[in-house]
PDB file of N, CA and C in Angstrom:
ATOM      1  N   MET A   1     127.269  84.544 128.635  1.00  0.00           N
ATOM      2  CA  MET A   1     128.232  84.999 127.669  1.00  0.00           C
ATOM      3  C   MET A   1     127.516  85.782 126.573  1.00  0.00           C
ATOM      4  N   LYS A   2     127.995  86.969 126.286  1.00  0.00           N
ATOM      5  CA  LYS A   2     127.391  87.804 125.261  1.00  0.00           C
ATOM      6  C   LYS A   2     127.901  87.409 123.885  1.00  0.00           C
ATOM      7  N   LYS A   3     126.964  87.465 122.935  1.00  0.00           N
ATOM      8  CA  LYS A   3     127.360  87.189 121.552  1.00  0.00           C
ATOM      9  C   LYS A   3     127.909  88.463 120.931  1.00  0.00           C
ATOM     10  N   LYS A   4     128.869  88.287 120.098  1.00  0.00           N
ATOM     11  CA  LYS A   4     129.406  89.434 119.381  1.00  0.00           C
ATOM     12  C   LYS A   4     128.429  89.822 118.277  1.00  0.00           C
ATOM     13  N   THR A   5     128.166  91.093 118.192  1.00  0.00           N
ATOM     14  CA  THR A   5     127.287  91.557 117.125  1.00  0.00           C
ATOM     15  C   THR A   5     128.123  92.101 115.982  1.00  0.00           C
ATOM     16  N   GLU A   6     127.689  91.777 114.816  1.00  0.00           N
ATOM     17  CA  GLU A   6     128.401  92.275 113.640  1.00  0.00           C
ATOM     18  C   GLU A   6     127.909  93.668 113.319  1.00  0.00           C
ATOM     19  N   LYS A   7     128.815  94.511 113.038  1.00  0.00           N
ATOM     20  CA  LYS A   7     128.430  95.838 112.576  1.00  0.00           C
ATOM     21  C   LYS A   7     128.267  95.749 111.066  1.00  0.00           C
ATOM     22  N   ARG A   8     127.053  95.975 110.664  1.00  0.00           N
ATOM     23  CA  ARG A   8     126.775  95.907 109.234  1.00  0.00           C
ATOM     24  C   ARG A   8     127.190  97.211 108.577  1.00  0.00           C
ATOM     25  N   GLN A   9     127.744  97.069 107.433  1.00  0.00           N
ATOM     26  CA  GLN A   9     128.115  98.258 106.681  1.00  0.00           C
ATOM     27  C   GLN A   9     126.855  98.859 106.082  1.00  0.00           C
ATOM     28  N   GLN A  10     126.685 100.121 106.297  1.00  0.00           N
ATOM     29  CA  GLN A  10     125.552 100.791 105.695  1.00  0.00           C
ATOM     30  C   GLN A  10     125.925 101.186 104.277  1.00  0.00           C
ATOM     31  N   ARG A  11     125.101 100.724 103.374  1.00  0.00           N
ATOM     32  CA  ARG A  11     125.364 101.042 101.976  1.00  0.00           C
ATOM     33  C   ARG A  11     124.419 102.149 101.551  1.00  0.00           C
ATOM     34  N   ASP A  12     124.937 103.129 100.914  1.00  0.00           N
ATOM     35  CA  ASP A  12     124.132 104.233 100.421  1.00  0.00           C
ATOM     36  C   ASP A  12     123.901 104.024  98.932  1.00  0.00           C
ATOM     37  N   GLU A  13     123.179 102.962  98.618  1.00  0.00           N
ATOM     38  CA  GLU A  13     122.942 102.615  97.221  1.00  0.00           C
ATOM     39  C   GLU A  13     121.461 102.326  97.015  1.00  0.00           C
ATOM     40  N   LEU A  14     121.000 102.615  95.836  1.00  0.00           N
ATOM     41  CA  LEU A  14     119.654 102.219  95.455  1.00  0.00           C
ATOM     42  C   LEU A  14     119.760 100.942  94.630  1.00  0.00           C
ATOM     43  N   ARG A  15     118.667 100.264  94.544  1.00  0.00           N
ATOM     44  CA  ARG A  15     118.648  99.063  93.727  1.00  0.00           C
ATOM     45  C   ARG A  15     118.878  99.409  92.260  1.00  0.00           C
ATOM     46  N   ARG A  16     119.287  98.427  91.514  1.00  0.00           N
ATOM     47  CA  ARG A  16     119.576  98.629  90.094  1.00  0.00           C
ATOM     48  C   ARG A  16     118.359  99.111  89.312  1.00  0.00           C
ATOM     49  N   GLU A  17     117.155  98.667  89.714  1.00  0.00           N
ATOM     50  CA  GLU A  17     115.969  98.998  88.936  1.00  0.00           C
ATOM     51  C   GLU A  17     115.518 100.456  89.092  1.00  0.00           C
ATOM     52  N   TYR A  18     116.067 101.183  90.039  1.00  0.00           N
ATOM     53  CA  TYR A  18     115.714 102.583  90.193  1.00  0.00           C
ATOM     54  C   TYR A  18     116.537 103.439  89.240  1.00  0.00           C
ATOM     55  N   ASP A  19     115.833 104.259  88.484  1.00  0.00           N
ATOM     56  CA  ASP A  19     116.480 105.141  87.523  1.00  0.00           C
ATOM     57  C   ASP A  19     116.635 106.514  88.185  1.00  0.00           C
ATOM     58  N   MET A  20     117.843 106.892  88.488  1.00  0.00           N
ATOM     59  CA  MET A  20     118.113 108.143  89.199  1.00  0.00           C
ATOM     60  C   MET A  20     117.634 109.371  88.428  1.00  0.00           C
ATOM     61  N   THR A  21     117.589 109.304  87.095  1.00  0.00           N
ATOM     62  CA  THR A  21     117.147 110.459  86.324  1.00  0.00           C
ATOM     63  C   THR A  21     115.670 110.738  86.555  1.00  0.00           C
ATOM     64  N   LYS A  22     114.892 109.724  86.895  1.00  0.00           N
ATOM     65  CA  LYS A  22     113.467 109.914  87.138  1.00  0.00           C
ATOM     66  C   LYS A  22     113.173 110.333  88.579  1.00  0.00           C
ATOM     67  N   LEU A  23     114.140 110.201  89.465  1.00  0.00           N
ATOM     68  CA  LEU A  23     113.927 110.508  90.877  1.00  0.00           C
ATOM     69  C   LEU A  23     114.244 111.960  91.237  1.00  0.00           C
ATOM     70  N   LYS A  24     114.746 112.727  90.302  1.00  0.00           N
ATOM     71  CA  LYS A  24     115.124 114.104  90.611  1.00  0.00           C
ATOM     72  C   LYS A  24     113.900 115.011  90.628  1.00  0.00           C
ATOM     73  N   GLY A  25     113.924 116.016  91.458  1.00  0.00           N
ATOM     74  CA  GLY A  25     112.865 117.009  91.494  1.00  0.00           C
ATOM     75  C   GLY A  25     111.736 116.683  92.449  1.00  0.00           C
ATOM     76  N   GLY A  26     111.858 115.630  93.216  1.00  0.00           N
ATOM     77  CA  GLY A  26     110.812 115.287  94.175  1.00  0.00           C
ATOM     78  C   GLY A  26     110.791 116.262  95.338  1.00  0.00           C
ATOM     79  N   VAL A  27     109.620 116.473  95.886  1.00  0.00           N
ATOM     80  CA  VAL A  27     109.467 117.393  97.003  1.00  0.00           C
ATOM     81  C   VAL A  27     108.861 116.636  98.164  1.00  0.00           C
ATOM     82  N   ARG A  28     109.545 116.615  99.276  1.00  0.00           N
ATOM     83  CA  ARG A  28     109.047 115.919 100.454  1.00  0.00           C
ATOM     84  C   ARG A  28     107.867 116.678 101.052  1.00  0.00           C
ATOM     85  N   GLY A  29     106.795 115.974 101.314  1.00  0.00           N
ATOM     86  CA  GLY A  29     105.632 116.572 101.941  1.00  0.00           C
ATOM     87  C   GLY A  29     104.797 117.445 101.022  1.00  0.00           C
ATOM     88  N   LYS A  30     104.865 117.214  99.733  1.00  0.00           N
ATOM     89  CA  LYS A  30     104.181 118.051  98.756  1.00  0.00           C
ATOM     90  C   LYS A  30     102.664 118.094  98.991  1.00  0.00           C
ATOM     91  N   TYR A  31     102.076 116.985  99.373  1.00  0.00           N
ATOM     92  CA  TYR A  31     100.622 116.906  99.530  1.00  0.00           C
ATOM     93  C   TYR A  31     100.181 116.797 100.986  1.00  0.00           C
ATOM     94  N   VAL A  32     101.050 117.089 101.925  1.00  0.00           N
ATOM     95  CA  VAL A  32     100.720 116.902 103.334  1.00  0.00           C
ATOM     96  C   VAL A  32      99.588 117.838 103.779  1.00  0.00           C
ATOM     97  N   ALA A  33      99.531 119.046 103.279  1.00  0.00           N
ATOM     98  CA  ALA A  33      98.461 119.974 103.659  1.00  0.00           C
ATOM     99  C   ALA A  33      97.106 119.458 103.191  1.00  0.00           C
ATOM    100  N   ARG A  34      97.049 118.954 101.954  1.00  0.00           N
ATOM    101  CA  ARG A  34      95.793 118.378 101.448  1.00  0.00           C
ATOM    102  C   ARG A  34      95.400 117.153 102.265  1.00  0.00           C
ATOM    103  N   TYR A  35      96.365 116.330 102.586  1.00  0.00           N
ATOM    104  CA  TYR A  35      96.087 115.122 103.355  1.00  0.00           C
ATOM    105  C   TYR A  35      95.505 115.467 104.724  1.00  0.00           C
ATOM    106  N   ARG A  36      96.106 116.433 105.373  1.00  0.00           N
ATOM    107  CA  ARG A  36      95.647 116.828 106.703  1.00  0.00           C
ATOM    108  C   ARG A  36      94.278 117.501 106.671  1.00  0.00           C
ATOM    109  N   SER A  37      93.945 118.127 105.550  1.00  0.00           N
ATOM    110  CA  SER A  37      92.649 118.793 105.460  1.00  0.00           C
ATOM    111  C   SER A  37      91.521 117.817 105.148  1.00  0.00           C
ATOM    112  N   GLY A  38      91.860 116.573 104.879  1.00  0.00           N
ATOM    113  CA  GLY A  38      90.833 115.562 104.665  1.00  0.00           C
ATOM    114  C   GLY A  38      90.560 115.229 103.217  1.00  0.00           C
ATOM    115  N   THR A  39      91.389 115.677 102.317  1.00  0.00           N
ATOM    116  CA  THR A  39      91.207 115.368 100.902  1.00  0.00           C
ATOM    117  C   THR A  39      91.430 113.890 100.659  1.00  0.00           C
ATOM    118  N   ASN A  40      90.567 113.294  99.869  1.00  0.00           N
ATOM    119  CA  ASN A  40      90.735 111.888  99.490  1.00  0.00           C
ATOM    120  C   ASN A  40      91.442 111.824  98.149  1.00  0.00           C
ATOM    121  N   LEU A  41      92.556 111.158  98.119  1.00  0.00           N
ATOM    122  CA  LEU A  41      93.261 110.950  96.868  1.00  0.00           C
ATOM    123  C   LEU A  41      92.867 109.588  96.326  1.00  0.00           C
ATOM    124  N   VAL A  42      92.506 109.551  95.053  1.00  0.00           N
ATOM    125  CA  VAL A  42      92.069 108.311  94.424  1.00  0.00           C
ATOM    126  C   VAL A  42      92.874 108.111  93.155  1.00  0.00           C
ATOM    127  N   LEU A  43      93.376 106.916  92.966  1.00  0.00           N
ATOM    128  CA  LEU A  43      94.134 106.600  91.765  1.00  0.00           C
ATOM    129  C   LEU A  43      93.200 105.969  90.753  1.00  0.00           C
ATOM    130  N   LEU A  44      93.076 106.604  89.594  1.00  0.00           N
ATOM    131  CA  LEU A  44      92.233 106.074  88.538  1.00  0.00           C
ATOM    132  C   LEU A  44      93.036 105.104  87.678  1.00  0.00           C
ATOM    133  N   SER A  45      92.383 104.074  87.221  1.00  0.00           N
ATOM    134  CA  SER A  45      93.022 103.150  86.294  1.00  0.00           C
ATOM    135  C   SER A  45      93.296 103.889  84.995  1.00  0.00           C
ATOM    136  N   PRO A  46      94.364 103.521  84.293  1.00  0.00           N
ATOM    137  CA  PRO A  46      94.724 104.236  83.067  1.00  0.00           C
ATOM    138  C   PRO A  46      93.598 104.298  82.029  1.00  0.00           C
ATOM    139  N   ASP A  47      92.831 103.221  81.892  1.00  0.00           N
ATOM    140  CA  ASP A  47      91.751 103.236  80.898  1.00  0.00           C
ATOM    141  C   ASP A  47      90.638 104.201  81.289  1.00  0.00           C
ATOM    142  N   VAL A  48      90.404 104.403  82.569  1.00  0.00           N
ATOM    143  CA  VAL A  48      89.403 105.359  83.034  1.00  0.00           C
ATOM    144  C   VAL A  48      89.969 106.778  82.955  1.00  0.00           C
ATOM    145  N   ALA A  49      91.207 106.953  83.335  1.00  0.00           N
ATOM    146  CA  ALA A  49      91.840 108.273  83.386  1.00  0.00           C
ATOM    147  C   ALA A  49      91.913 108.941  82.013  1.00  0.00           C
ATOM    148  N   GLU A  50      91.951 108.165  80.944  1.00  0.00           N
ATOM    149  CA  GLU A  50      92.041 108.795  79.622  1.00  0.00           C
ATOM    150  C   GLU A  50      90.757 109.546  79.253  1.00  0.00           C
ATOM    151  N   TYR A  51      89.649 109.278  79.950  1.00  0.00           N
ATOM    152  CA  TYR A  51      88.397 109.991  79.701  1.00  0.00           C
ATOM    153  C   TYR A  51      88.234 111.224  80.580  1.00  0.00           C
ATOM    154  N   PHE A  52      89.094 111.389  81.582  1.00  0.00           N
ATOM    155  CA  PHE A  52      88.988 112.502  82.520  1.00  0.00           C
ATOM    156  C   PHE A  52      90.304 113.271  82.552  1.00  0.00           C
ATOM    157  N   PRO A  53      90.334 114.453  81.936  1.00  0.00           N
ATOM    158  CA  PRO A  53      91.592 115.207  81.870  1.00  0.00           C
ATOM    159  C   PRO A  53      91.999 115.861  83.184  1.00  0.00           C
ATOM    160  N   ASP A  54      91.022 116.074  84.102  1.00  0.00           N
ATOM    161  CA  ASP A  54      91.361 116.743  85.357  1.00  0.00           C
ATOM    162  C   ASP A  54      90.370 116.351  86.452  1.00  0.00           C
ATOM    163  N   GLU A  55      90.629 116.831  87.670  1.00  0.00           N
ATOM    164  CA  GLU A  55      89.784 116.450  88.809  1.00  0.00           C
ATOM    165  C   GLU A  55      88.374 117.013  88.692  1.00  0.00           C
ATOM    166  N   GLN A  56      88.235 118.171  88.059  1.00  0.00           N
ATOM    167  CA  GLN A  56      86.912 118.778  87.916  1.00  0.00           C
ATOM    168  C   GLN A  56      86.005 117.899  87.052  1.00  0.00           C
ATOM    169  N   SER A  57      86.528 117.324  85.995  1.00  0.00           N
ATOM    170  CA  SER A  57      85.710 116.467  85.134  1.00  0.00           C
ATOM    171  C   SER A  57      85.296 115.188  85.854  1.00  0.00           C
ATOM    172  N   VAL A  58      86.167 114.666  86.707  1.00  0.00           N
ATOM    173  CA  VAL A  58      85.816 113.476  87.492  1.00  0.00           C
ATOM    174  C   VAL A  58      84.702 113.816  88.473  1.00  0.00           C
ATOM    175  N   ASN A  59      84.827 114.927  89.168  1.00  0.00           N
ATOM    176  CA  ASN A  59      83.805 115.339  90.133  1.00  0.00           C
ATOM    177  C   ASN A  59      82.465 115.606  89.451  1.00  0.00           C
ATOM    178  N   THR A  60      82.492 116.243  88.291  1.00  0.00           N
ATOM    179  CA  THR A  60      81.259 116.511  87.547  1.00  0.00           C
ATOM    180  C   THR A  60      80.567 115.205  87.165  1.00  0.00           C
ATOM    181  N   ALA A  61      81.328 114.258  86.654  1.00  0.00           N
ATOM    182  CA  ALA A  61      80.764 112.968  86.255  1.00  0.00           C
ATOM    183  C   ALA A  61      80.196 112.209  87.453  1.00  0.00           C
ATOM    184  N   LEU A  62      80.895 112.237  88.556  1.00  0.00           N
ATOM    185  CA  LEU A  62      80.412 111.534  89.744  1.00  0.00           C
ATOM    186  C   LEU A  62      79.153 112.188  90.316  1.00  0.00           C
ATOM    187  N   ARG A  63      79.100 113.516  90.314  1.00  0.00           N
ATOM    188  CA  ARG A  63      77.895 114.205  90.795  1.00  0.00           C
ATOM    189  C   ARG A  63      76.696 113.881  89.906  1.00  0.00           C
ATOM    190  N   TRP A  64      76.921 113.838  88.594  1.00  0.00           N
ATOM    191  CA  TRP A  64      75.855 113.474  87.669  1.00  0.00           C
ATOM    192  C   TRP A  64      75.384 112.048  87.937  1.00  0.00           C
ATOM    193  N   LEU A  65      76.316 111.144  88.150  1.00  0.00           N
ATOM    194  CA  LEU A  65      75.969 109.750  88.422  1.00  0.00           C
ATOM    195  C   LEU A  65      75.173 109.620  89.726  1.00  0.00           C
ATOM    196  N   ILE A  66      75.532 110.402  90.723  1.00  0.00           N
ATOM    197  CA  ILE A  66      74.800 110.382  91.993  1.00  0.00           C
ATOM    198  C   ILE A  66      73.365 110.847  91.779  1.00  0.00           C
ATOM    199  N   ARG A  67      73.191 111.946  91.016  1.00  0.00           N
ATOM    200  CA  ARG A  67      71.828 112.437  90.738  1.00  0.00           C
ATOM    201  C   ARG A  67      71.005 111.394  89.993  1.00  0.00           C
ATOM    202  N   VAL A  68      71.603 110.749  89.007  1.00  0.00           N
ATOM    203  CA  VAL A  68      70.900 109.720  88.237  1.00  0.00           C
ATOM    204  C   VAL A  68      70.514 108.555  89.142  1.00  0.00           C
ATOM    205  N   ALA A  69      71.439 108.113  89.972  1.00  0.00           N
ATOM    206  CA  ALA A  69      71.167 106.985  90.868  1.00  0.00           C
ATOM    207  C   ALA A  69      70.071 107.330  91.867  1.00  0.00           C
ATOM    208  N   LYS A  70      70.095 108.532  92.407  1.00  0.00           N
ATOM    209  CA  LYS A  70      69.056 108.938  93.356  1.00  0.00           C
ATOM    210  C   LYS A  70      67.700 109.010  92.671  1.00  0.00           C
ATOM    211  N   GLY A  71      67.659 109.511  91.458  1.00  0.00           N
ATOM    212  CA  GLY A  71      66.413 109.611  90.711  1.00  0.00           C
ATOM    213  C   GLY A  71      65.816 108.240  90.427  1.00  0.00           C
ATOM    214  N   ARG A  72      66.652 107.288  90.096  1.00  0.00           N
ATOM    215  CA  ARG A  72      66.162 105.948  89.805  1.00  0.00           C
ATOM    216  C   ARG A  72      65.709 105.234  91.065  1.00  0.00           C
ATOM    217  N   LEU A  73      66.403 105.503  92.162  1.00  0.00           N
ATOM    218  CA  LEU A  73      66.000 104.866  93.421  1.00  0.00           C
ATOM    219  C   LEU A  73      64.639 105.390  93.864  1.00  0.00           C
ATOM    220  N   ARG A  74      64.398 106.677  93.692  1.00  0.00           N
ATOM    221  CA  ARG A  74      63.093 107.250  94.083  1.00  0.00           C
ATOM    222  C   ARG A  74      61.980 106.705  93.201  1.00  0.00           C
ATOM    223  N   GLY A  75      62.243 106.570  91.908  1.00  0.00           N
ATOM    224  CA  GLY A  75      61.222 106.080  90.989  1.00  0.00           C
ATOM    225  C   GLY A  75      60.929 104.612  91.159  1.00  0.00           C
ATOM    226  N   ALA A  76      61.881 103.842  91.679  1.00  0.00           N
ATOM    227  CA  ALA A  76      61.711 102.400  91.820  1.00  0.00           C
ATOM    228  C   ALA A  76      60.842 102.036  93.013  1.00  0.00           C
ATOM    229  N   ARG A  77      60.664 102.959  93.955  1.00  0.00           N
ATOM    230  CA  ARG A  77      59.904 102.659  95.169  1.00  0.00           C
ATOM    231  C   ARG A  77      58.452 102.636  94.964  1.00  0.00           C
TER     232      ARG A  77
END
């Protein structure tokens, strides 16, 4: 004997906590080209991000840190 399946009503609603005014203007697939090209996206913590206004400053700081670390590793041997 087959059980009757209930047809659930599909609701086209968002939860109460979503603010529709903040959801406007989104673009689907905005970063897909970067993702496919192998770009690594990293989320900085707010306290760290306030010291870096853009991606170039983050990259510069990290490259400097790499040079410093390599220099210290060579000198420690």
